[in-house]
Amino acid sequence: YEYVDDAEYLETLPLLNMHSNLVILRTFSKIYGLAALRIGYGLMDASIIQELVKVKEPFNTNRLAQAAAFASLDDQPFVENCVRKNEEGRRYLENELSKMGLTFFPSHANFLMVKLNQPGKDIFEKLLIQGVIIRSGHLLGYENTIRVTIGTPLENERFIASLQHIIKKKSGDDQSK
């Protein structure tokens, strides 16, 4: 949600007033960088909250995570910096992937789903050997894709170099057959 910069993006908060059964979930994992703390929040009608409280575990988050989440809400310059860096990283990856003849799903998030001409699981395993961690799309039902988190410039460059090496090696293997 925080990464989106599209005038046509559906603003969901006003829908809460129109739909008492709507639940909006947000995470602090992405833009706020708090993934390890496993914290997020939900926005919904009070009647849903009353029902959820009945089945909520008593210690489902800790004070450190809560304090970090509250503090992060007050750090708008950090959020703006993350949005800017993510945009730069996404543009770099999109440009480099396009040069390699690869396509990807349009993204406003901090990751890209890249379409491949081979199983994403194979690319995942080969990148892992090189110390580059991505996710195979087969886990999401997209056999020939990979999910790549937009990282720092150095991480993005390392991913591209490793992917180029794997794809060149694969096309070389195909030509030798």
N, C-alpha and C. Protein backbone atom coordinates (compact mmCIF):
# COMPACT_ATOMS: atom_id res chain seq x y z
N TYR A 1 0.83 -1.20 0.00
CA TYR A 1 0.00 0.00 0.00
C TYR A 1 0.87 1.26 0.00
N GLU A 2 1.89 1.27 0.86
CA GLU A 2 2.70 2.48 1.00
C GLU A 2 3.58 2.74 -0.22
N TYR A 3 3.87 1.71 -1.01
CA TYR A 3 4.72 1.87 -2.19
C TYR A 3 3.97 2.38 -3.41
N VAL A 4 2.67 2.27 -3.43
CA VAL A 4 1.90 2.56 -4.63
C VAL A 4 1.91 4.05 -4.95
N ASP A 5 2.20 4.33 -6.22
CA ASP A 5 2.19 5.70 -6.73
C ASP A 5 1.40 5.72 -8.04
N ASP A 6 0.14 5.36 -7.93
CA ASP A 6 -0.72 5.26 -9.11
C ASP A 6 -2.05 5.92 -8.77
N ALA A 7 -2.41 6.93 -9.53
CA ALA A 7 -3.64 7.68 -9.27
C ALA A 7 -4.88 6.81 -9.34
N GLU A 8 -4.81 5.70 -10.06
CA GLU A 8 -5.97 4.81 -10.20
C GLU A 8 -6.04 3.74 -9.11
N TYR A 9 -5.09 3.72 -8.20
CA TYR A 9 -5.09 2.73 -7.14
C TYR A 9 -6.31 2.94 -6.24
N LEU A 10 -7.00 1.88 -5.96
CA LEU A 10 -8.21 1.95 -5.15
C LEU A 10 -7.88 2.28 -3.70
N GLU A 11 -8.37 3.38 -3.21
CA GLU A 11 -8.21 3.74 -1.81
C GLU A 11 -9.28 2.99 -1.03
N THR A 12 -8.84 2.06 -0.19
CA THR A 12 -9.79 1.16 0.47
C THR A 12 -10.35 1.68 1.78
N LEU A 13 -9.68 2.60 2.44
CA LEU A 13 -10.16 3.07 3.74
C LEU A 13 -11.59 3.61 3.70
N PRO A 14 -11.97 4.41 2.70
CA PRO A 14 -13.37 4.90 2.67
C PRO A 14 -14.39 3.76 2.53
N LEU A 15 -13.97 2.64 2.01
CA LEU A 15 -14.89 1.51 1.83
C LEU A 15 -15.32 0.91 3.17
N LEU A 16 -14.55 1.15 4.21
CA LEU A 16 -14.91 0.63 5.53
C LEU A 16 -16.27 1.18 5.98
N ASN A 17 -16.57 2.42 5.63
CA ASN A 17 -17.86 3.03 6.01
C ASN A 17 -19.03 2.45 5.22
N MET A 18 -18.73 1.84 4.09
CA MET A 18 -19.80 1.31 3.23
C MET A 18 -20.02 -0.20 3.39
N HIS A 19 -19.01 -0.90 3.93
CA HIS A 19 -19.08 -2.36 4.00
C HIS A 19 -18.67 -2.83 5.40
N SER A 20 -19.64 -3.21 6.19
CA SER A 20 -19.34 -3.62 7.57
C SER A 20 -18.60 -4.95 7.64
N ASN A 21 -18.54 -5.69 6.55
CA ASN A 21 -17.84 -6.96 6.56
C ASN A 21 -16.43 -6.87 5.97
N LEU A 22 -15.96 -5.68 5.66
CA LEU A 22 -14.64 -5.48 5.07
C LEU A 22 -13.56 -5.49 6.15
N VAL A 23 -12.47 -6.20 5.88
CA VAL A 23 -11.30 -6.21 6.75
C VAL A 23 -10.10 -5.80 5.91
N ILE A 24 -9.39 -4.78 6.33
CA ILE A 24 -8.18 -4.32 5.66
C ILE A 24 -7.00 -4.68 6.55
N LEU A 25 -6.06 -5.42 5.99
CA LEU A 25 -4.88 -5.83 6.75
C LEU A 25 -3.65 -5.11 6.19
N ARG A 26 -2.80 -4.65 7.07
CA ARG A 26 -1.56 -3.98 6.68
C ARG A 26 -0.41 -4.58 7.48
N THR A 27 0.76 -4.52 6.91
CA THR A 27 1.94 -5.08 7.57
C THR A 27 3.00 -4.01 7.79
N PHE A 28 3.83 -4.22 8.76
CA PHE A 28 4.99 -3.36 8.98
C PHE A 28 6.25 -4.01 8.38
N SER A 29 6.07 -5.16 7.73
CA SER A 29 7.20 -5.91 7.19
C SER A 29 7.90 -5.20 6.04
N LYS A 30 7.15 -4.57 5.18
CA LYS A 30 7.72 -4.06 3.93
C LYS A 30 8.31 -2.66 4.09
N ILE A 31 7.51 -1.63 3.98
CA ILE A 31 8.01 -0.26 3.95
C ILE A 31 8.71 0.13 5.26
N TYR A 32 8.27 -0.43 6.37
CA TYR A 32 8.84 -0.07 7.66
C TYR A 32 10.02 -0.95 8.04
N GLY A 33 10.26 -2.01 7.30
CA GLY A 33 11.42 -2.86 7.53
C GLY A 33 11.37 -3.66 8.82
N LEU A 34 10.20 -4.03 9.26
CA LEU A 34 10.05 -4.75 10.53
C LEU A 34 9.63 -6.20 10.34
N ALA A 35 10.05 -6.83 9.24
CA ALA A 35 9.59 -8.18 8.93
C ALA A 35 9.89 -9.17 10.05
N ALA A 36 11.05 -9.09 10.65
CA ALA A 36 11.42 -10.05 11.69
C ALA A 36 10.56 -9.93 12.95
N LEU A 37 9.90 -8.80 13.12
CA LEU A 37 9.07 -8.61 14.30
C LEU A 37 7.65 -9.13 14.13
N ARG A 38 7.29 -9.49 12.90
CA ARG A 38 5.99 -10.10 12.62
C ARG A 38 4.83 -9.29 13.21
N ILE A 39 4.73 -8.06 12.76
CA ILE A 39 3.67 -7.21 13.29
C ILE A 39 2.93 -6.51 12.15
N GLY A 40 1.65 -6.34 12.35
CA GLY A 40 0.80 -5.66 11.39
C GLY A 40 -0.45 -5.21 12.11
N TYR A 41 -1.43 -4.78 11.36
CA TYR A 41 -2.67 -4.34 11.98
C TYR A 41 -3.83 -4.53 11.01
N GLY A 42 -5.00 -4.50 11.57
CA GLY A 42 -6.21 -4.64 10.77
C GLY A 42 -7.17 -3.51 11.05
N LEU A 43 -7.89 -3.11 10.04
CA LEU A 43 -8.92 -2.07 10.15
C LEU A 43 -10.24 -2.73 9.77
N MET A 44 -11.24 -2.59 10.64
CA MET A 44 -12.51 -3.26 10.39
C MET A 44 -13.59 -2.72 11.31
N ASP A 45 -14.80 -3.12 11.07
CA ASP A 45 -15.93 -2.74 11.88
C ASP A 45 -15.76 -3.31 13.30
N ALA A 46 -16.25 -2.57 14.29
CA ALA A 46 -16.13 -2.98 15.69
C ALA A 46 -16.75 -4.35 15.94
N SER A 47 -17.80 -4.70 15.22
CA SER A 47 -18.44 -6.01 15.42
C SER A 47 -17.50 -7.16 15.05
N ILE A 48 -16.68 -6.96 14.04
CA ILE A 48 -15.70 -8.00 13.66
C ILE A 48 -14.61 -8.09 14.71
N ILE A 49 -14.17 -6.94 15.20
CA ILE A 49 -13.14 -6.93 16.25
C ILE A 49 -13.63 -7.70 17.46
N GLN A 50 -14.87 -7.50 17.87
CA GLN A 50 -15.42 -8.21 19.02
C GLN A 50 -15.37 -9.72 18.83
N GLU A 51 -15.63 -10.18 17.64
CA GLU A 51 -15.58 -11.63 17.37
C GLU A 51 -14.15 -12.13 17.34
N LEU A 52 -13.24 -11.37 16.77
CA LEU A 52 -11.85 -11.79 16.69
C LEU A 52 -11.19 -11.85 18.07
N VAL A 53 -11.54 -10.92 18.93
CA VAL A 53 -10.98 -10.90 20.28
C VAL A 53 -11.30 -12.20 21.03
N LYS A 54 -12.41 -12.80 20.73
CA LYS A 54 -12.82 -14.05 21.38
C LYS A 54 -11.86 -15.20 21.09
N VAL A 55 -11.21 -15.18 19.93
CA VAL A 55 -10.32 -16.28 19.54
C VAL A 55 -8.85 -15.87 19.45
N LYS A 56 -8.55 -14.64 19.79
CA LYS A 56 -7.18 -14.13 19.72
C LYS A 56 -6.31 -14.78 20.79
N GLU A 57 -5.10 -15.16 20.39
CA GLU A 57 -4.15 -15.67 21.37
C GLU A 57 -3.75 -14.53 22.30
N PRO A 58 -3.51 -14.82 23.57
CA PRO A 58 -3.24 -13.73 24.52
C PRO A 58 -1.91 -13.01 24.30
N PHE A 59 -0.90 -13.69 23.76
CA PHE A 59 0.41 -13.06 23.57
C PHE A 59 0.84 -13.21 22.12
N ASN A 60 0.08 -12.59 21.22
CA ASN A 60 0.34 -12.76 19.79
C ASN A 60 1.38 -11.81 19.22
N THR A 61 1.84 -10.86 20.00
CA THR A 61 2.93 -9.98 19.61
C THR A 61 3.62 -9.53 20.90
N ASN A 62 4.79 -8.95 20.77
CA ASN A 62 5.50 -8.54 21.98
C ASN A 62 5.66 -7.02 22.05
N ARG A 63 6.11 -6.55 23.19
CA ARG A 63 6.23 -5.10 23.40
C ARG A 63 7.25 -4.45 22.48
N LEU A 64 8.34 -5.16 22.20
CA LEU A 64 9.36 -4.61 21.31
C LEU A 64 8.76 -4.37 19.91
N ALA A 65 8.02 -5.35 19.40
CA ALA A 65 7.39 -5.20 18.09
C ALA A 65 6.39 -4.05 18.11
N GLN A 66 5.61 -3.95 19.16
CA GLN A 66 4.62 -2.88 19.26
C GLN A 66 5.30 -1.51 19.33
N ALA A 67 6.36 -1.41 20.11
CA ALA A 67 7.08 -0.13 20.23
C ALA A 67 7.70 0.26 18.89
N ALA A 68 8.28 -0.71 18.20
CA ALA A 68 8.88 -0.43 16.89
C ALA A 68 7.82 0.01 15.89
N ALA A 69 6.67 -0.64 15.92
CA ALA A 69 5.60 -0.28 15.00
C ALA A 69 5.11 1.14 15.26
N PHE A 70 4.87 1.47 16.51
CA PHE A 70 4.42 2.83 16.83
C PHE A 70 5.46 3.87 16.44
N ALA A 71 6.74 3.59 16.73
CA ALA A 71 7.80 4.54 16.38
C ALA A 71 7.90 4.72 14.87
N SER A 72 7.73 3.63 14.13
CA SER A 72 7.87 3.72 12.68
C SER A 72 6.78 4.58 12.05
N LEU A 73 5.62 4.63 12.67
CA LEU A 73 4.54 5.46 12.13
C LEU A 73 4.88 6.95 12.18
N ASP A 74 5.78 7.32 13.08
CA ASP A 74 6.18 8.72 13.21
C ASP A 74 7.39 9.09 12.35
N ASP A 75 7.94 8.12 11.63
CA ASP A 75 9.16 8.37 10.85
C ASP A 75 8.86 8.46 9.36
N GLN A 76 8.13 9.47 8.98
CA GLN A 76 7.74 9.66 7.58
C GLN A 76 8.95 9.87 6.66
N PRO A 77 10.01 10.57 7.09
CA PRO A 77 11.18 10.68 6.21
C PRO A 77 11.78 9.31 5.84
N PHE A 78 11.76 8.37 6.79
CA PHE A 78 12.25 7.02 6.50
C PHE A 78 11.38 6.36 5.42
N VAL A 79 10.07 6.48 5.57
CA VAL A 79 9.14 5.90 4.60
C VAL A 79 9.38 6.50 3.22
N GLU A 80 9.49 7.82 3.15
CA GLU A 80 9.72 8.48 1.86
C GLU A 80 11.03 8.04 1.23
N ASN A 81 12.07 7.87 2.04
CA ASN A 81 13.36 7.38 1.56
C ASN A 81 13.23 5.96 1.02
N CYS A 82 12.50 5.11 1.73
CA CYS A 82 12.29 3.73 1.27
C CYS A 82 11.54 3.70 -0.05
N VAL A 83 10.52 4.53 -0.18
CA VAL A 83 9.76 4.59 -1.42
C VAL A 83 10.67 4.99 -2.57
N ARG A 84 11.50 6.01 -2.35
CA ARG A 84 12.41 6.49 -3.39
C ARG A 84 13.42 5.41 -3.79
N LYS A 85 14.04 4.78 -2.79
CA LYS A 85 15.03 3.74 -3.08
C LYS A 85 14.40 2.53 -3.75
N ASN A 86 13.20 2.18 -3.34
CA ASN A 86 12.50 1.06 -3.96
C ASN A 86 12.20 1.35 -5.42
N GLU A 87 11.76 2.56 -5.70
CA GLU A 87 11.46 2.97 -7.08
C GLU A 87 12.72 2.90 -7.93
N GLU A 88 13.83 3.40 -7.41
CA GLU A 88 15.10 3.36 -8.15
C GLU A 88 15.52 1.91 -8.40
N GLY A 89 15.42 1.08 -7.38
CA GLY A 89 15.78 -0.33 -7.52
C GLY A 89 14.88 -1.06 -8.50
N ARG A 90 13.60 -0.77 -8.43
CA ARG A 90 12.65 -1.42 -9.34
C ARG A 90 12.94 -1.03 -10.79
N ARG A 91 13.19 0.25 -11.02
CA ARG A 91 13.51 0.71 -12.39
C ARG A 91 14.79 0.04 -12.90
N TYR A 92 15.79 -0.07 -12.03
CA TYR A 92 17.04 -0.73 -12.43
C TYR A 92 16.78 -2.18 -12.82
N LEU A 93 16.08 -2.92 -11.95
CA LEU A 93 15.81 -4.32 -12.23
C LEU A 93 14.97 -4.48 -13.50
N GLU A 94 13.93 -3.67 -13.65
CA GLU A 94 13.09 -3.75 -14.84
C GLU A 94 13.91 -3.50 -16.11
N ASN A 95 14.79 -2.52 -16.07
CA ASN A 95 15.63 -2.19 -17.21
C ASN A 95 16.58 -3.34 -17.55
N GLU A 96 17.24 -3.87 -16.53
CA GLU A 96 18.21 -4.95 -16.75
C GLU A 96 17.52 -6.24 -17.19
N LEU A 97 16.37 -6.54 -16.61
CA LEU A 97 15.63 -7.74 -17.01
C LEU A 97 15.14 -7.61 -18.44
N SER A 98 14.70 -6.41 -18.83
CA SER A 98 14.26 -6.17 -20.20
C SER A 98 15.41 -6.37 -21.18
N LYS A 99 16.60 -5.89 -20.82
CA LYS A 99 17.78 -6.09 -21.67
C LYS A 99 18.07 -7.57 -21.87
N MET A 100 17.72 -8.38 -20.87
CA MET A 100 17.96 -9.83 -20.95
C MET A 100 16.83 -10.54 -21.70
N GLY A 101 15.84 -9.79 -22.14
CA GLY A 101 14.72 -10.38 -22.86
C GLY A 101 13.69 -11.01 -21.96
N LEU A 102 13.73 -10.69 -20.67
CA LEU A 102 12.78 -11.25 -19.72
C LEU A 102 11.66 -10.25 -19.47
N THR A 103 10.49 -10.77 -19.16
CA THR A 103 9.36 -9.92 -18.83
C THR A 103 8.98 -10.14 -17.37
N PHE A 104 8.13 -9.27 -16.87
CA PHE A 104 7.75 -9.32 -15.46
C PHE A 104 6.37 -8.71 -15.32
N PHE A 105 5.71 -9.08 -14.25
CA PHE A 105 4.41 -8.50 -13.96
C PHE A 105 4.62 -7.07 -13.46
N PRO A 106 3.78 -6.12 -13.86
CA PRO A 106 3.90 -4.76 -13.32
C PRO A 106 3.80 -4.81 -11.79
N SER A 107 4.59 -3.98 -11.13
CA SER A 107 4.63 -4.02 -9.68
C SER A 107 4.66 -2.63 -9.08
N HIS A 108 3.99 -2.48 -7.95
CA HIS A 108 4.09 -1.28 -7.13
C HIS A 108 4.65 -1.66 -5.77
N ALA A 109 5.05 -2.90 -5.61
CA ALA A 109 5.51 -3.40 -4.32
C ALA A 109 7.04 -3.37 -4.25
N ASN A 110 7.59 -4.07 -3.29
CA ASN A 110 9.04 -4.13 -3.14
C ASN A 110 9.58 -5.44 -3.71
N PHE A 111 8.88 -5.99 -4.69
CA PHE A 111 9.35 -7.19 -5.37
C PHE A 111 8.80 -7.23 -6.78
N LEU A 112 9.42 -8.07 -7.61
CA LEU A 112 8.98 -8.31 -8.98
C LEU A 112 8.75 -9.80 -9.17
N MET A 113 7.74 -10.14 -9.96
CA MET A 113 7.55 -11.51 -10.43
C MET A 113 8.06 -11.55 -11.86
N VAL A 114 9.12 -12.31 -12.08
CA VAL A 114 9.80 -12.37 -13.37
C VAL A 114 9.40 -13.64 -14.09
N LYS A 115 9.00 -13.48 -15.36
CA LYS A 115 8.63 -14.62 -16.19
C LYS A 115 9.88 -15.18 -16.86
N LEU A 116 10.01 -16.50 -16.85
CA LEU A 116 11.17 -17.17 -17.40
C LEU A 116 10.76 -18.16 -18.49
N ASN A 117 11.75 -18.66 -19.21
CA ASN A 117 11.51 -19.72 -20.19
C ASN A 117 11.89 -21.08 -19.63
N GLN A 118 11.95 -21.17 -18.33
CA GLN A 118 12.32 -22.42 -17.65
C GLN A 118 11.74 -22.38 -16.24
N PRO A 119 11.73 -23.51 -15.58
CA PRO A 119 11.15 -23.54 -14.23
C PRO A 119 11.86 -22.60 -13.26
N GLY A 120 11.07 -21.82 -12.55
CA GLY A 120 11.63 -20.91 -11.55
C GLY A 120 12.39 -21.64 -10.46
N LYS A 121 11.98 -22.86 -10.17
CA LYS A 121 12.66 -23.65 -9.14
C LYS A 121 14.11 -23.91 -9.52
N ASP A 122 14.37 -24.14 -10.80
CA ASP A 122 15.74 -24.37 -11.27
C ASP A 122 16.59 -23.12 -11.07
N ILE A 123 16.03 -21.96 -11.43
CA ILE A 123 16.76 -20.70 -11.27
C ILE A 123 17.00 -20.42 -9.79
N PHE A 124 15.97 -20.66 -8.96
CA PHE A 124 16.10 -20.48 -7.51
C PHE A 124 17.29 -21.28 -6.99
N GLU A 125 17.37 -22.56 -7.36
CA GLU A 125 18.44 -23.43 -6.86
C GLU A 125 19.82 -22.98 -7.34
N LYS A 126 19.91 -22.55 -8.60
CA LYS A 126 21.20 -22.10 -9.13
C LYS A 126 21.64 -20.78 -8.49
N LEU A 127 20.68 -19.88 -8.26
CA LEU A 127 21.02 -18.62 -7.59
C LEU A 127 21.42 -18.87 -6.14
N LEU A 128 20.75 -19.79 -5.49
CA LEU A 128 21.06 -20.11 -4.10
C LEU A 128 22.50 -20.59 -3.96
N ILE A 129 22.96 -21.39 -4.90
CA ILE A 129 24.35 -21.86 -4.89
C ILE A 129 25.31 -20.68 -4.96
N GLN A 130 24.90 -19.62 -5.64
CA GLN A 130 25.73 -18.41 -5.76
C GLN A 130 25.52 -17.45 -4.59
N GLY A 131 24.70 -17.83 -3.62
CA GLY A 131 24.46 -16.98 -2.46
C GLY A 131 23.41 -15.91 -2.66
N VAL A 132 22.61 -16.05 -3.71
CA VAL A 132 21.54 -15.09 -3.99
C VAL A 132 20.21 -15.77 -3.69
N ILE A 133 19.45 -15.20 -2.80
CA ILE A 133 18.18 -15.80 -2.38
C ILE A 133 17.01 -15.06 -3.00
N ILE A 134 16.23 -15.80 -3.75
CA ILE A 134 14.97 -15.31 -4.32
C ILE A 134 13.91 -16.35 -3.96
N ARG A 135 12.73 -16.25 -4.51
CA ARG A 135 11.69 -17.27 -4.31
C ARG A 135 11.25 -17.79 -5.66
N SER A 136 11.01 -19.06 -5.72
CA SER A 136 10.49 -19.66 -6.94
C SER A 136 8.99 -19.42 -7.02
N GLY A 137 8.52 -19.08 -8.19
CA GLY A 137 7.10 -18.85 -8.39
C GLY A 137 6.26 -20.11 -8.32
N HIS A 138 6.91 -21.28 -8.39
CA HIS A 138 6.11 -22.51 -8.34
C HIS A 138 5.37 -22.63 -7.02
N LEU A 139 5.90 -22.03 -5.99
CA LEU A 139 5.24 -22.05 -4.68
C LEU A 139 3.92 -21.27 -4.71
N LEU A 140 3.80 -20.35 -5.67
CA LEU A 140 2.60 -19.53 -5.81
C LEU A 140 1.72 -20.00 -6.97
N GLY A 141 2.11 -21.10 -7.60
CA GLY A 141 1.34 -21.63 -8.72
C GLY A 141 1.79 -21.11 -10.08
N TYR A 142 2.93 -20.45 -10.14
CA TYR A 142 3.47 -19.93 -11.40
C TYR A 142 4.83 -20.60 -11.65
N GLU A 143 4.79 -21.72 -12.32
CA GLU A 143 5.95 -22.60 -12.50
C GLU A 143 7.17 -21.89 -13.07
N ASN A 144 6.98 -21.09 -14.10
CA ASN A 144 8.10 -20.46 -14.80
C ASN A 144 8.31 -19.01 -14.38
N THR A 145 8.27 -18.75 -13.09
CA THR A 145 8.53 -17.40 -12.58
C THR A 145 9.41 -17.47 -11.35
N ILE A 146 9.98 -16.32 -11.04
CA ILE A 146 10.68 -16.13 -9.77
C ILE A 146 10.19 -14.83 -9.15
N ARG A 147 10.22 -14.78 -7.84
CA ARG A 147 9.83 -13.58 -7.10
C ARG A 147 11.11 -12.99 -6.53
N VAL A 148 11.42 -11.77 -6.93
CA VAL A 148 12.68 -11.12 -6.57
C VAL A 148 12.39 -9.88 -5.74
N THR A 149 12.91 -9.86 -4.53
CA THR A 149 12.78 -8.68 -3.68
C THR A 149 13.72 -7.60 -4.19
N ILE A 150 13.24 -6.37 -4.25
CA ILE A 150 14.08 -5.24 -4.63
C ILE A 150 14.97 -4.92 -3.45
N GLY A 151 16.27 -5.01 -3.66
CA GLY A 151 17.22 -4.82 -2.57
C GLY A 151 17.98 -3.51 -2.70
N THR A 152 19.14 -3.50 -2.10
CA THR A 152 20.04 -2.37 -2.23
C THR A 152 20.64 -2.38 -3.64
N PRO A 153 21.24 -1.29 -4.08
CA PRO A 153 21.86 -1.32 -5.41
C PRO A 153 22.86 -2.47 -5.57
N LEU A 154 23.67 -2.71 -4.55
CA LEU A 154 24.65 -3.80 -4.62
C LEU A 154 23.96 -5.16 -4.73
N GLU A 155 22.92 -5.37 -3.94
CA GLU A 155 22.18 -6.63 -4.00
C GLU A 155 21.51 -6.82 -5.36
N ASN A 156 20.93 -5.76 -5.89
CA ASN A 156 20.29 -5.83 -7.19
C ASN A 156 21.29 -6.15 -8.29
N GLU A 157 22.46 -5.51 -8.24
CA GLU A 157 23.50 -5.77 -9.23
C GLU A 157 24.01 -7.20 -9.14
N ARG A 158 24.16 -7.69 -7.93
CA ARG A 158 24.62 -9.08 -7.75
C ARG A 158 23.59 -10.07 -8.30
N PHE A 159 22.32 -9.81 -8.04
CA PHE A 159 21.27 -10.67 -8.57
C PHE A 159 21.32 -10.70 -10.09
N ILE A 160 21.38 -9.52 -10.71
CA ILE A 160 21.39 -9.43 -12.18
C ILE A 160 22.60 -10.16 -12.75
N ALA A 161 23.78 -9.92 -12.17
CA ALA A 161 24.99 -10.59 -12.67
C ALA A 161 24.86 -12.11 -12.54
N SER A 162 24.34 -12.57 -11.43
CA SER A 162 24.18 -14.01 -11.23
C SER A 162 23.16 -14.59 -12.19
N LEU A 163 22.06 -13.90 -12.38
CA LEU A 163 21.02 -14.37 -13.30
C LEU A 163 21.55 -14.39 -14.73
N GLN A 164 22.29 -13.35 -15.12
CA GLN A 164 22.88 -13.32 -16.46
C GLN A 164 23.79 -14.52 -16.67
N HIS A 165 24.60 -14.82 -15.68
CA HIS A 165 25.53 -15.96 -15.75
C HIS A 165 24.76 -17.27 -15.94
N ILE A 166 23.70 -17.44 -15.19
CA ILE A 166 22.90 -18.67 -15.27
C ILE A 166 22.23 -18.79 -16.63
N ILE A 167 21.65 -17.71 -17.11
CA ILE A 167 20.94 -17.75 -18.38
C ILE A 167 21.91 -17.96 -19.54
N LYS A 168 23.07 -17.30 -19.51
CA LYS A 168 24.08 -17.50 -20.56
C LYS A 168 24.56 -18.94 -20.56
N LYS A 169 24.79 -19.49 -19.38
CA LYS A 169 25.25 -20.87 -19.26
C LYS A 169 24.20 -21.82 -19.82
N LYS A 170 22.92 -21.54 -19.51
CA LYS A 170 21.81 -22.38 -19.98
C LYS A 170 21.72 -22.32 -21.50
N SER A 171 21.82 -21.12 -22.09
CA SER A 171 21.72 -21.01 -23.55
C SER A 171 22.93 -21.64 -24.21
N GLY A 172 24.09 -21.58 -23.57
CA GLY A 172 25.27 -22.26 -24.08
C GLY A 172 25.12 -23.76 -24.05
N ASP A 173 24.50 -24.28 -22.98
CA ASP A 173 24.25 -25.72 -22.87
C ASP A 173 23.29 -26.17 -23.96
N ASP A 174 22.26 -25.34 -24.26
CA ASP A 174 21.28 -25.69 -25.28
C ASP A 174 21.94 -25.75 -26.66
N GLN A 175 22.88 -24.83 -26.92
CA GLN A 175 23.51 -24.78 -28.22
C GLN A 175 24.45 -25.96 -28.45
N SER A 176 24.99 -26.49 -27.35
CA SER A 176 25.94 -27.61 -27.50
C SER A 176 25.24 -28.93 -27.73
N LYS A 177 23.92 -28.98 -27.62
CA LYS A 177 23.17 -30.23 -27.79
C LYS A 177 22.81 -30.46 -29.23
